[in-house]
Amino acid sequence: GPVLGLAAGDPAFTIFVRGFGLLALGIVLKYTFALGRLRGFAAHRADG
């Protein structure tokens, strides 16, 4: 995000940083909830 934002220039910097930051957050949430499910801390119980 910051690397591409610096390359794109001043107006697009914030868009790149926020966009790639949200992408990274989504990836982390997906895999952390998967890790929790793998370790027995599933977000949903057996009854749903």
All heavy atoms as atom14 arrays in JSON, in Angstrom:
{
  "sequence": "GPVLGLAAGDPAFTIFVRGFGLLALGIVLKYTFALGRLRGFAAHRADG",
  "atom14_mask": [
    [1, 1, 1, 1, 0, 0, 0, 0, 0, 0, 0, 0, 0, 0],
    [1, 1, 1, 1, 1, 1, 1, 0, 0, 0, 0, 0, 0, 0],
    [1, 1, 1, 1, 1, 1, 1, 0, 0, 0, 0, 0, 0, 0],
    [1, 1, 1, 1, 1, 1, 1, 1, 0, 0, 0, 0, 0, 0],
    [1, 1, 1, 1, 0, 0, 0, 0, 0, 0, 0, 0, 0, 0],
    [1, 1, 1, 1, 1, 1, 1, 1, 0, 0, 0, 0, 0, 0],
    [1, 1, 1, 1, 1, 0, 0, 0, 0, 0, 0, 0, 0, 0],
    [1, 1, 1, 1, 1, 0, 0, 0, 0, 0, 0, 0, 0, 0],
    [1, 1, 1, 1, 0, 0, 0, 0, 0, 0, 0, 0, 0, 0],
    [1, 1, 1, 1, 1, 1, 1, 1, 0, 0, 0, 0, 0, 0],
    [1, 1, 1, 1, 1, 1, 1, 0, 0, 0, 0, 0, 0, 0],
    [1, 1, 1, 1, 1, 0, 0, 0, 0, 0, 0, 0, 0, 0],
    [1, 1, 1, 1, 1, 1, 1, 1, 1, 1, 1, 0, 0, 0],
    [1, 1, 1, 1, 1, 1, 1, 0, 0, 0, 0, 0, 0, 0],
    [1, 1, 1, 1, 1, 1, 1, 1, 0, 0, 0, 0, 0, 0],
    [1, 1, 1, 1, 1, 1, 1, 1, 1, 1, 1, 0, 0, 0],
    [1, 1, 1, 1, 1, 1, 1, 0, 0, 0, 0, 0, 0, 0],
    [1, 1, 1, 1, 1, 1, 1, 1, 1, 1, 1, 0, 0, 0],
    [1, 1, 1, 1, 0, 0, 0, 0, 0, 0, 0, 0, 0, 0],
    [1, 1, 1, 1, 1, 1, 1, 1, 1, 1, 1, 0, 0, 0],
    [1, 1, 1, 1, 0, 0, 0, 0, 0, 0, 0, 0, 0, 0],
    [1, 1, 1, 1, 1, 1, 1, 1, 0, 0, 0, 0, 0, 0],
    [1, 1, 1, 1, 1, 1, 1, 1, 0, 0, 0, 0, 0, 0],
    [1, 1, 1, 1, 1, 0, 0, 0, 0, 0, 0, 0, 0, 0],
    [1, 1, 1, 1, 1, 1, 1, 1, 0, 0, 0, 0, 0, 0],
    [1, 1, 1, 1, 0, 0, 0, 0, 0, 0, 0, 0, 0, 0],
    [1, 1, 1, 1, 1, 1, 1, 1, 0, 0, 0, 0, 0, 0],
    [1, 1, 1, 1, 1, 1, 1, 0, 0, 0, 0, 0, 0, 0],
    [1, 1, 1, 1, 1, 1, 1, 1, 0, 0, 0, 0, 0, 0],
    [1, 1, 1, 1, 1, 1, 1, 1, 1, 0, 0, 0, 0, 0],
    [1, 1, 1, 1, 1, 1, 1, 1, 1, 1, 1, 1, 0, 0],
    [1, 1, 1, 1, 1, 1, 1, 0, 0, 0, 0, 0, 0, 0],
    [1, 1, 1, 1, 1, 1, 1, 1, 1, 1, 1, 0, 0, 0],
    [1, 1, 1, 1, 1, 0, 0, 0, 0, 0, 0, 0, 0, 0],
    [1, 1, 1, 1, 1, 1, 1, 1, 0, 0, 0, 0, 0, 0],
    [1, 1, 1, 1, 0, 0, 0, 0, 0, 0, 0, 0, 0, 0],
    [1, 1, 1, 1, 1, 1, 1, 1, 1, 1, 1, 0, 0, 0],
    [1, 1, 1, 1, 1, 1, 1, 1, 0, 0, 0, 0, 0, 0],
    [1, 1, 1, 1, 1, 1, 1, 1, 1, 1, 1, 0, 0, 0],
    [1, 1, 1, 1, 0, 0, 0, 0, 0, 0, 0, 0, 0, 0],
    [1, 1, 1, 1, 1, 1, 1, 1, 1, 1, 1, 0, 0, 0],
    [1, 1, 1, 1, 1, 0, 0, 0, 0, 0, 0, 0, 0, 0],
    [1, 1, 1, 1, 1, 0, 0, 0, 0, 0, 0, 0, 0, 0],
    [1, 1, 1, 1, 1, 1, 1, 1, 1, 1, 0, 0, 0, 0],
    [1, 1, 1, 1, 1, 1, 1, 1, 1, 1, 1, 0, 0, 0],
    [1, 1, 1, 1, 1, 0, 0, 0, 0, 0, 0, 0, 0, 0],
    [1, 1, 1, 1, 1, 1, 1, 1, 0, 0, 0, 0, 0, 0],
    [1, 1, 1, 1, 0, 0, 0, 0, 0, 0, 0, 0, 0, 0]
  ],
  "atom14_positions": [
    [[0.8, -1.22, 0.0], [0.0, 0.0, 0.0], [0.83, 1.27, 0.0], [0.7, 2.11, -0.9], [0.0, 0.0, 0.0], [0.0, 0.0, 0.0], [0.0, 0.0, 0.0], [0.0, 0.0, 0.0], [0.0, 0.0, 0.0], [0.0, 0.0, 0.0], [0.0, 0.0, 0.0], [0.0, 0.0, 0.0], [0.0, 0.0, 0.0], [0.0, 0.0, 0.0]],
    [[1.72, 1.45, 0.99], [2.53, 2.67, 0.99], [3.5, 2.75, -0.18], [3.75, 3.83, -0.7], [3.29, 2.59, 2.32], [2.51, 1.68, 3.17], [1.84, 0.72, 2.25], [0.0, 0.0, 0.0], [0.0, 0.0, 0.0], [0.0, 0.0, 0.0], [0.0, 0.0, 0.0], [0.0, 0.0, 0.0], [0.0, 0.0, 0.0], [0.0, 0.0, 0.0]],
    [[4.05, 1.6, -0.59], [5.0, 1.63, -1.7], [4.31, 2.07, -2.99], [4.8, 2.95, -3.71], [5.67, 0.25, -1.87], [6.49, 0.2, -3.15], [6.53, -0.08, -0.67], [0.0, 0.0, 0.0], [0.0, 0.0, 0.0], [0.0, 0.0, 0.0], [0.0, 0.0, 0.0], [0.0, 0.0, 0.0], [0.0, 0.0, 0.0], [0.0, 0.0, 0.0]],
    [[3.17, 1.48, -3.28], [2.43, 1.87, -4.49], [1.87, 3.28, -4.35], [1.78, 4.01, -5.34], [1.31, 0.88, -4.78], [1.79, -0.52, -5.2], [0.6, -1.45, -5.33], [2.58, -0.46, -6.49], [0.0, 0.0, 0.0], [0.0, 0.0, 0.0], [0.0, 0.0, 0.0], [0.0, 0.0, 0.0], [0.0, 0.0, 0.0], [0.0, 0.0, 0.0]],
    [[1.49, 3.66, -3.13], [1.0, 5.01, -2.92], [2.06, 6.06, -3.16], [1.79, 7.12, -3.73], [0.0, 0.0, 0.0], [0.0, 0.0, 0.0], [0.0, 0.0, 0.0], [0.0, 0.0, 0.0], [0.0, 0.0, 0.0], [0.0, 0.0, 0.0], [0.0, 0.0, 0.0], [0.0, 0.0, 0.0], [0.0, 0.0, 0.0], [0.0, 0.0, 0.0]],
    [[3.29, 5.77, -2.73], [4.39, 6.71, -2.98], [4.69, 6.81, -4.47], [5.01, 7.87, -4.98], [5.64, 6.27, -2.23], [5.64, 6.53, -0.73], [6.84, 5.86, -0.08], [5.63, 8.01, -0.43], [0.0, 0.0, 0.0], [0.0, 0.0, 0.0], [0.0, 0.0, 0.0], [0.0, 0.0, 0.0], [0.0, 0.0, 0.0], [0.0, 0.0, 0.0]],
    [[4.58, 5.67, -5.18], [4.84, 5.67, -6.6], [3.75, 6.41, -7.37], [4.02, 7.06, -8.38], [4.97, 4.24, -7.12], [0.0, 0.0, 0.0], [0.0, 0.0, 0.0], [0.0, 0.0, 0.0], [0.0, 0.0, 0.0], [0.0, 0.0, 0.0], [0.0, 0.0, 0.0], [0.0, 0.0, 0.0], [0.0, 0.0, 0.0], [0.0, 0.0, 0.0]],
    [[2.51, 6.33, -6.9], [1.39, 6.96, -7.61], [1.33, 8.47, -7.39], [0.82, 9.19, -8.23], [0.08, 6.32, -7.17], [0.0, 0.0, 0.0], [0.0, 0.0, 0.0], [0.0, 0.0, 0.0], [0.0, 0.0, 0.0], [0.0, 0.0, 0.0], [0.0, 0.0, 0.0], [0.0, 0.0, 0.0], [0.0, 0.0, 0.0], [0.0, 0.0, 0.0]],
    [[1.8, 8.93, -6.28], [1.77, 10.37, -6.02], [0.87, 10.71, -4.85], [0.22, 9.86, -4.25], [0.0, 0.0, 0.0], [0.0, 0.0, 0.0], [0.0, 0.0, 0.0], [0.0, 0.0, 0.0], [0.0, 0.0, 0.0], [0.0, 0.0, 0.0], [0.0, 0.0, 0.0], [0.0, 0.0, 0.0], [0.0, 0.0, 0.0], [0.0, 0.0, 0.0]],
    [[0.81, 12.0, -4.56], [0.14, 12.48, -3.36], [-1.36, 12.2, -3.31], [-1.85, 11.74, -2.3], [0.42, 13.96, -3.18], [0.06, 14.44, -1.79], [0.15, 13.62, -0.85], [-0.31, 15.61, -1.64], [0.0, 0.0, 0.0], [0.0, 0.0, 0.0], [0.0, 0.0, 0.0], [0.0, 0.0, 0.0], [0.0, 0.0, 0.0], [0.0, 0.0, 0.0]],
    [[-2.16, 12.46, -4.35], [-3.6, 12.26, -4.18], [-4.01, 10.79, -3.98], [-4.97, 10.51, -3.28], [-4.21, 12.79, -5.49], [-3.13, 13.54, -6.17], [-1.84, 13.06, -5.63], [0.0, 0.0, 0.0], [0.0, 0.0, 0.0], [0.0, 0.0, 0.0], [0.0, 0.0, 0.0], [0.0, 0.0, 0.0], [0.0, 0.0, 0.0], [0.0, 0.0, 0.0]],
    [[-3.27, 9.88, -4.58], [-3.65, 8.47, -4.51], [-3.03, 7.75, -3.33], [-3.36, 6.58, -3.08], [-3.25, 7.77, -5.8], [0.0, 0.0, 0.0], [0.0, 0.0, 0.0], [0.0, 0.0, 0.0], [0.0, 0.0, 0.0], [0.0, 0.0, 0.0], [0.0, 0.0, 0.0], [0.0, 0.0, 0.0], [0.0, 0.0, 0.0], [0.0, 0.0, 0.0]],
    [[-2.14, 8.4, -2.59], [-1.44, 7.72, -1.5], [-2.4, 7.15, -0.47], [-2.31, 5.98, -0.09], [-0.46, 8.69, -0.83], [0.3, 8.07, 0.32], [1.34, 7.21, 0.08], [-0.06, 8.37, 1.63], [2.04, 6.64, 1.13], [0.63, 7.8, 2.68], [1.68, 6.93, 2.43], [0.0, 0.0, 0.0], [0.0, 0.0, 0.0], [0.0, 0.0, 0.0]],
    [[-3.34, 7.96, -0.01], [-4.28, 7.52, 1.01], [-5.17, 6.39, 0.51], [-5.46, 5.46, 1.26], [-5.16, 8.71, 1.46], [-4.31, 9.78, 1.85], [-6.05, 8.33, 2.61], [0.0, 0.0, 0.0], [0.0, 0.0, 0.0], [0.0, 0.0, 0.0], [0.0, 0.0, 0.0], [0.0, 0.0, 0.0], [0.0, 0.0, 0.0], [0.0, 0.0, 0.0]],
    [[-5.55, 6.44, -0.74], [-6.41, 5.39, -1.31], [-5.66, 4.07, -1.32], [-6.21, 3.03, -0.94], [-6.88, 5.78, -2.72], [-7.78, 7.01, -2.63], [-7.6, 4.63, -3.4], [-8.11, 7.64, -3.97], [0.0, 0.0, 0.0], [0.0, 0.0, 0.0], [0.0, 0.0, 0.0], [0.0, 0.0, 0.0], [0.0, 0.0, 0.0], [0.0, 0.0, 0.0]],
    [[-4.4, 4.09, -1.73], [-3.61, 2.86, -1.76], [-3.39, 2.31, -0.36], [-3.51, 1.1, -0.13], [-2.27, 3.09, -2.46], [-2.34, 2.96, -3.95], [-2.31, 4.09, -4.75], [-2.44, 1.73, -4.55], [-2.37, 3.99, -6.12], [-2.51, 1.6, -5.92], [-2.48, 2.73, -6.72], [0.0, 0.0, 0.0], [0.0, 0.0, 0.0], [0.0, 0.0, 0.0]],
    [[-3.03, 3.16, 0.58], [-2.75, 2.7, 1.94], [-4.01, 2.11, 2.58], [-3.98, 1.02, 3.16], [-2.17, 3.84, 2.8], [-2.1, 3.44, 4.25], [-0.8, 4.24, 2.29], [0.0, 0.0, 0.0], [0.0, 0.0, 0.0], [0.0, 0.0, 0.0], [0.0, 0.0, 0.0], [0.0, 0.0, 0.0], [0.0, 0.0, 0.0], [0.0, 0.0, 0.0]],
    [[-5.12, 2.8, 2.45], [-6.36, 2.3, 3.05], [-6.86, 1.05, 2.34], [-7.32, 0.1, 2.98], [-7.44, 3.37, 3.01], [-7.19, 4.48, 3.99], [-8.3, 5.51, 3.94], [-8.0, 6.61, 4.84], [-8.74, 7.68, 4.93], [-9.81, 7.82, 4.18], [-8.41, 8.64, 5.77], [0.0, 0.0, 0.0], [0.0, 0.0, 0.0], [0.0, 0.0, 0.0]],
    [[-6.78, 1.04, 1.02], [-7.26, -0.11, 0.26], [-6.48, -1.38, 0.56], [-7.06, -2.43, 0.85], [0.0, 0.0, 0.0], [0.0, 0.0, 0.0], [0.0, 0.0, 0.0], [0.0, 0.0, 0.0], [0.0, 0.0, 0.0], [0.0, 0.0, 0.0], [0.0, 0.0, 0.0], [0.0, 0.0, 0.0], [0.0, 0.0, 0.0], [0.0, 0.0, 0.0]],
    [[-5.17, -1.28, 0.52], [-4.35, -2.46, 0.8], [-4.4, -2.82, 2.29], [-4.27, -3.98, 2.64], [-2.91, -2.24, 0.33], [-2.73, -2.47, -1.13], [-2.82, -1.43, -2.03], [-2.5, -3.75, -1.62], [-2.66, -1.63, -3.39], [-2.34, -3.97, -2.97], [-2.41, -2.92, -3.86], [0.0, 0.0, 0.0], [0.0, 0.0, 0.0], [0.0, 0.0, 0.0]],
    [[-4.59, -1.83, 3.16], [-4.76, -2.13, 4.58], [-6.04, -2.91, 4.85], [-6.04, -3.85, 5.64], [0.0, 0.0, 0.0], [0.0, 0.0, 0.0], [0.0, 0.0, 0.0], [0.0, 0.0, 0.0], [0.0, 0.0, 0.0], [0.0, 0.0, 0.0], [0.0, 0.0, 0.0], [0.0, 0.0, 0.0], [0.0, 0.0, 0.0], [0.0, 0.0, 0.0]],
    [[-7.12, -2.51, 4.19], [-8.38, -3.26, 4.35], [-8.29, -4.65, 3.74], [-8.86, -5.61, 4.28], [-9.54, -2.47, 3.72], [-9.98, -1.24, 4.51], [-11.03, -0.47, 3.71], [-10.53, -1.64, 5.86], [0.0, 0.0, 0.0], [0.0, 0.0, 0.0], [0.0, 0.0, 0.0], [0.0, 0.0, 0.0], [0.0, 0.0, 0.0], [0.0, 0.0, 0.0]],
    [[-7.58, -4.77, 2.62], [-7.36, -6.09, 2.03], [-6.59, -6.98, 3.0], [-6.96, -8.14, 3.22], [-6.6, -5.95, 0.71], [-6.2, -7.25, 0.02], [-7.45, -7.99, -0.45], [-5.26, -6.97, -1.13], [0.0, 0.0, 0.0], [0.0, 0.0, 0.0], [0.0, 0.0, 0.0], [0.0, 0.0, 0.0], [0.0, 0.0, 0.0], [0.0, 0.0, 0.0]],
    [[-5.53, -6.44, 3.6], [-4.75, -7.21, 4.57], [-5.59, -7.58, 5.79], [-5.5, -8.7, 6.29], [-3.52, -6.42, 5.0], [0.0, 0.0, 0.0], [0.0, 0.0, 0.0], [0.0, 0.0, 0.0], [0.0, 0.0, 0.0], [0.0, 0.0, 0.0], [0.0, 0.0, 0.0], [0.0, 0.0, 0.0], [0.0, 0.0, 0.0], [0.0, 0.0, 0.0]],
    [[-6.43, -6.67, 6.25], [-7.3, -6.97, 7.39], [-8.27, -8.09, 7.06], [-8.5, -8.99, 7.87], [-8.06, -5.71, 7.82], [-9.02, -5.88, 8.99], [-8.26, -6.27, 10.25], [-9.81, -4.61, 9.22], [0.0, 0.0, 0.0], [0.0, 0.0, 0.0], [0.0, 0.0, 0.0], [0.0, 0.0, 0.0], [0.0, 0.0, 0.0], [0.0, 0.0, 0.0]],
    [[-8.84, -8.06, 5.87], [-9.75, -9.15, 5.46], [-9.05, -10.49, 5.41], [-9.6, -11.52, 5.84], [0.0, 0.0, 0.0], [0.0, 0.0, 0.0], [0.0, 0.0, 0.0], [0.0, 0.0, 0.0], [0.0, 0.0, 0.0], [0.0, 0.0, 0.0], [0.0, 0.0, 0.0], [0.0, 0.0, 0.0], [0.0, 0.0, 0.0], [0.0, 0.0, 0.0]],
    [[-7.82, -10.51, 4.89], [-7.06, -11.76, 4.82], [-6.75, -12.26, 6.22], [-6.91, -13.46, 6.52], [-5.77, -11.55, 4.0], [-6.1, -11.27, 2.54], [-4.85, -12.75, 4.11], [-4.93, -10.8, 1.72], [0.0, 0.0, 0.0], [0.0, 0.0, 0.0], [0.0, 0.0, 0.0], [0.0, 0.0, 0.0], [0.0, 0.0, 0.0], [0.0, 0.0, 0.0]],
    [[-6.33, -11.36, 7.1], [-6.01, -11.76, 8.48], [-7.24, -12.29, 9.2], [-7.18, -13.3, 9.9], [-5.35, -10.59, 9.24], [-5.32, -10.85, 10.73], [-3.95, -10.35, 8.72], [0.0, 0.0, 0.0], [0.0, 0.0, 0.0], [0.0, 0.0, 0.0], [0.0, 0.0, 0.0], [0.0, 0.0, 0.0], [0.0, 0.0, 0.0], [0.0, 0.0, 0.0]],
    [[-8.36, -11.62, 9.04], [-9.59, -12.1, 9.69], [-9.98, -13.49, 9.19], [-10.33, -14.37, 9.98], [-10.74, -11.12, 9.45], [-10.72, -9.85, 10.28], [-11.77, -8.86, 9.77], [-10.94, -10.15, 11.74], [0.0, 0.0, 0.0], [0.0, 0.0, 0.0], [0.0, 0.0, 0.0], [0.0, 0.0, 0.0], [0.0, 0.0, 0.0], [0.0, 0.0, 0.0]],
    [[-9.89, -13.69, 7.88], [-10.26, -14.98, 7.3], [-9.4, -16.1, 7.89], [-9.92, -17.13, 8.33], [-10.1, -14.94, 5.79], [-10.36, -16.27, 5.11], [-10.01, -16.22, 3.65], [-10.37, -17.45, 2.88], [-9.77, -18.66, 3.32], [0.0, 0.0, 0.0], [0.0, 0.0, 0.0], [0.0, 0.0, 0.0], [0.0, 0.0, 0.0], [0.0, 0.0, 0.0]],
    [[-8.1, -15.89, 7.91], [-7.21, -16.95, 8.35], [-7.15, -17.07, 9.87], [-6.88, -18.16, 10.39], [-5.82, -16.79, 7.75], [-5.82, -17.19, 6.29], [-5.74, -16.25, 5.28], [-5.95, -18.53, 5.92], [-5.78, -16.61, 3.95], [-5.99, -18.9, 4.6], [-5.9, -17.95, 3.62], [-5.94, -18.32, 2.31], [0.0, 0.0, 0.0], [0.0, 0.0, 0.0]],
    [[-7.42, -16.02, 10.61], [-7.45, -16.14, 12.07], [-8.7, -16.89, 12.51], [-8.65, -17.72, 13.42], [-7.38, -14.76, 12.74], [-6.22, -14.09, 12.27], [-7.3, -14.89, 14.23], [0.0, 0.0, 0.0], [0.0, 0.0, 0.0], [0.0, 0.0, 0.0], [0.0, 0.0, 0.0], [0.0, 0.0, 0.0], [0.0, 0.0, 0.0], [0.0, 0.0, 0.0]],
    [[-9.84, -16.63, 11.86], [-11.03, -17.4, 12.2], [-10.87, -18.85, 11.78], [-11.36, -19.76, 12.45], [-12.27, -16.78, 11.55], [-12.89, -15.69, 12.39], [-12.44, -14.39, 12.31], [-13.91, -15.98, 13.28], [-12.99, -13.39, 13.09], [-14.47, -15.0, 14.07], [-14.01, -13.69, 13.98], [0.0, 0.0, 0.0], [0.0, 0.0, 0.0], [0.0, 0.0, 0.0]],
    [[-10.15, -19.11, 10.68], [-9.87, -20.5, 10.28], [-8.95, -21.17, 11.29], [-9.14, -22.35, 11.63], [-9.25, -20.52, 8.89], [0.0, 0.0, 0.0], [0.0, 0.0, 0.0], [0.0, 0.0, 0.0], [0.0, 0.0, 0.0], [0.0, 0.0, 0.0], [0.0, 0.0, 0.0], [0.0, 0.0, 0.0], [0.0, 0.0, 0.0], [0.0, 0.0, 0.0]],
    [[-7.96, -20.43, 11.79], [-7.07, -20.98, 12.81], [-7.84, -21.26, 14.1], [-7.63, -22.28, 14.76], [-5.92, -20.02, 13.08], [-4.89, -20.45, 14.1], [-4.15, -21.69, 13.63], [-3.91, -19.32, 14.37], [0.0, 0.0, 0.0], [0.0, 0.0, 0.0], [0.0, 0.0, 0.0], [0.0, 0.0, 0.0], [0.0, 0.0, 0.0], [0.0, 0.0, 0.0]],
    [[-8.76, -20.37, 14.45], [-9.59, -20.59, 15.62], [-10.46, -21.84, 15.47], [-10.6, -22.62, 16.4], [0.0, 0.0, 0.0], [0.0, 0.0, 0.0], [0.0, 0.0, 0.0], [0.0, 0.0, 0.0], [0.0, 0.0, 0.0], [0.0, 0.0, 0.0], [0.0, 0.0, 0.0], [0.0, 0.0, 0.0], [0.0, 0.0, 0.0], [0.0, 0.0, 0.0]],
    [[-11.03, -22.03, 14.28], [-11.82, -23.23, 14.02], [-10.96, -24.48, 14.11], [-11.36, -25.5, 14.67], [-12.46, -23.13, 12.63], [-13.47, -24.19, 12.35], [-14.19, -24.03, 11.02], [-14.21, -22.67, 10.51], [-13.7, -22.31, 9.33], [-13.14, -23.19, 8.54], [-13.77, -21.06, 8.93], [0.0, 0.0, 0.0], [0.0, 0.0, 0.0], [0.0, 0.0, 0.0]],
    [[-9.74, -24.39, 13.61], [-8.81, -25.52, 13.64], [-8.41, -25.88, 15.06], [-8.23, -27.06, 15.39], [-7.57, -25.18, 12.8], [-6.57, -26.27, 12.51], [-7.21, -27.33, 11.62], [-5.36, -25.69, 11.84], [0.0, 0.0, 0.0], [0.0, 0.0, 0.0], [0.0, 0.0, 0.0], [0.0, 0.0, 0.0], [0.0, 0.0, 0.0], [0.0, 0.0, 0.0]],
    [[-8.29, -24.87, 15.92], [-7.87, -25.1, 17.31], [-9.04, -25.32, 18.27], [-8.85, -25.41, 19.48], [-7.02, -23.94, 17.79], [-5.79, -23.79, 16.91], [-4.64, -23.08, 17.48], [-4.42, -23.15, 18.88], [-3.53, -23.95, 19.47], [-2.82, -24.78, 18.75], [-3.35, -23.89, 20.77], [0.0, 0.0, 0.0], [0.0, 0.0, 0.0], [0.0, 0.0, 0.0]],
    [[-10.26, -25.39, 17.74], [-11.41, -25.69, 18.58], [-12.19, -24.49, 19.06], [-13.02, -24.61, 19.96], [0.0, 0.0, 0.0], [0.0, 0.0, 0.0], [0.0, 0.0, 0.0], [0.0, 0.0, 0.0], [0.0, 0.0, 0.0], [0.0, 0.0, 0.0], [0.0, 0.0, 0.0], [0.0, 0.0, 0.0], [0.0, 0.0, 0.0], [0.0, 0.0, 0.0]],
    [[-11.93, -23.31, 18.51], [-12.63, -22.1, 18.9], [-13.47, -21.59, 17.74], [-13.32, -20.46, 17.28], [-11.64, -21.01, 19.34], [-10.78, -21.42, 20.49], [-9.4, -21.54, 20.32], [-11.32, -21.7, 21.72], [-8.59, -21.92, 21.37], [-10.52, -22.08, 22.77], [-9.15, -22.19, 22.6], [0.0, 0.0, 0.0], [0.0, 0.0, 0.0], [0.0, 0.0, 0.0]],
    [[-14.36, -22.42, 17.25], [-15.18, -22.06, 16.1], [-16.13, -20.92, 16.46], [-16.65, -20.84, 17.58], [-15.98, -23.27, 15.63], [0.0, 0.0, 0.0], [0.0, 0.0, 0.0], [0.0, 0.0, 0.0], [0.0, 0.0, 0.0], [0.0, 0.0, 0.0], [0.0, 0.0, 0.0], [0.0, 0.0, 0.0], [0.0, 0.0, 0.0], [0.0, 0.0, 0.0]],
    [[-16.36, -20.03, 15.5], [-17.23, -18.89, 15.74], [-18.7, -19.29, 15.8], [-19.51, -18.59, 16.4], [-17.03, -17.84, 14.65], [0.0, 0.0, 0.0], [0.0, 0.0, 0.0], [0.0, 0.0, 0.0], [0.0, 0.0, 0.0], [0.0, 0.0, 0.0], [0.0, 0.0, 0.0], [0.0, 0.0, 0.0], [0.0, 0.0, 0.0], [0.0, 0.0, 0.0]],
    [[-19.03, -20.42, 15.21], [-20.41, -20.93, 15.25], [-20.43, -22.27, 15.96], [-19.55, -23.11, 15.76], [-20.96, -21.1, 13.83], [-21.19, -19.81, 13.13], [-22.27, -19.02, 13.39], [-20.45, -19.15, 12.2], [-22.21, -17.94, 12.63], [-21.1, -17.99, 11.9], [0.0, 0.0, 0.0], [0.0, 0.0, 0.0], [0.0, 0.0, 0.0], [0.0, 0.0, 0.0]],
    [[-21.44, -22.46, 16.79], [-21.61, -23.73, 17.47], [-22.22, -24.75, 16.52], [-22.55, -24.44, 15.38], [-22.52, -23.55, 18.7], [-21.89, -22.69, 19.78], [-22.69, -22.78, 21.07], [-24.0, -22.18, 20.91], [-24.38, -21.04, 21.47], [-23.54, -20.38, 22.21], [-25.58, -20.56, 21.29], [0.0, 0.0, 0.0], [0.0, 0.0, 0.0], [0.0, 0.0, 0.0]],
    [[-22.34, -25.97, 16.98], [-22.87, -27.05, 16.14], [-24.31, -26.79, 15.73], [-24.73, -27.21, 14.64], [-22.78, -28.38, 16.89], [0.0, 0.0, 0.0], [0.0, 0.0, 0.0], [0.0, 0.0, 0.0], [0.0, 0.0, 0.0], [0.0, 0.0, 0.0], [0.0, 0.0, 0.0], [0.0, 0.0, 0.0], [0.0, 0.0, 0.0], [0.0, 0.0, 0.0]],
    [[-25.07, -26.07, 16.55], [-26.47, -25.78, 16.2], [-26.6, -24.57, 15.28], [-27.71, -24.19, 14.91], [-27.31, -25.58, 17.46], [-26.83, -24.42, 18.33], [-25.77, -23.85, 18.03], [-27.52, -24.09, 19.31], [0.0, 0.0, 0.0], [0.0, 0.0, 0.0], [0.0, 0.0, 0.0], [0.0, 0.0, 0.0], [0.0, 0.0, 0.0], [0.0, 0.0, 0.0]],
    [[-25.47, -23.95, 14.92], [-25.49, -22.83, 13.99], [-25.52, -21.47, 14.66], [-25.44, -20.44, 13.99], [0.0, 0.0, 0.0], [0.0, 0.0, 0.0], [0.0, 0.0, 0.0], [0.0, 0.0, 0.0], [0.0, 0.0, 0.0], [0.0, 0.0, 0.0], [0.0, 0.0, 0.0], [0.0, 0.0, 0.0], [0.0, 0.0, 0.0], [0.0, 0.0, 0.0]]
  ]
}
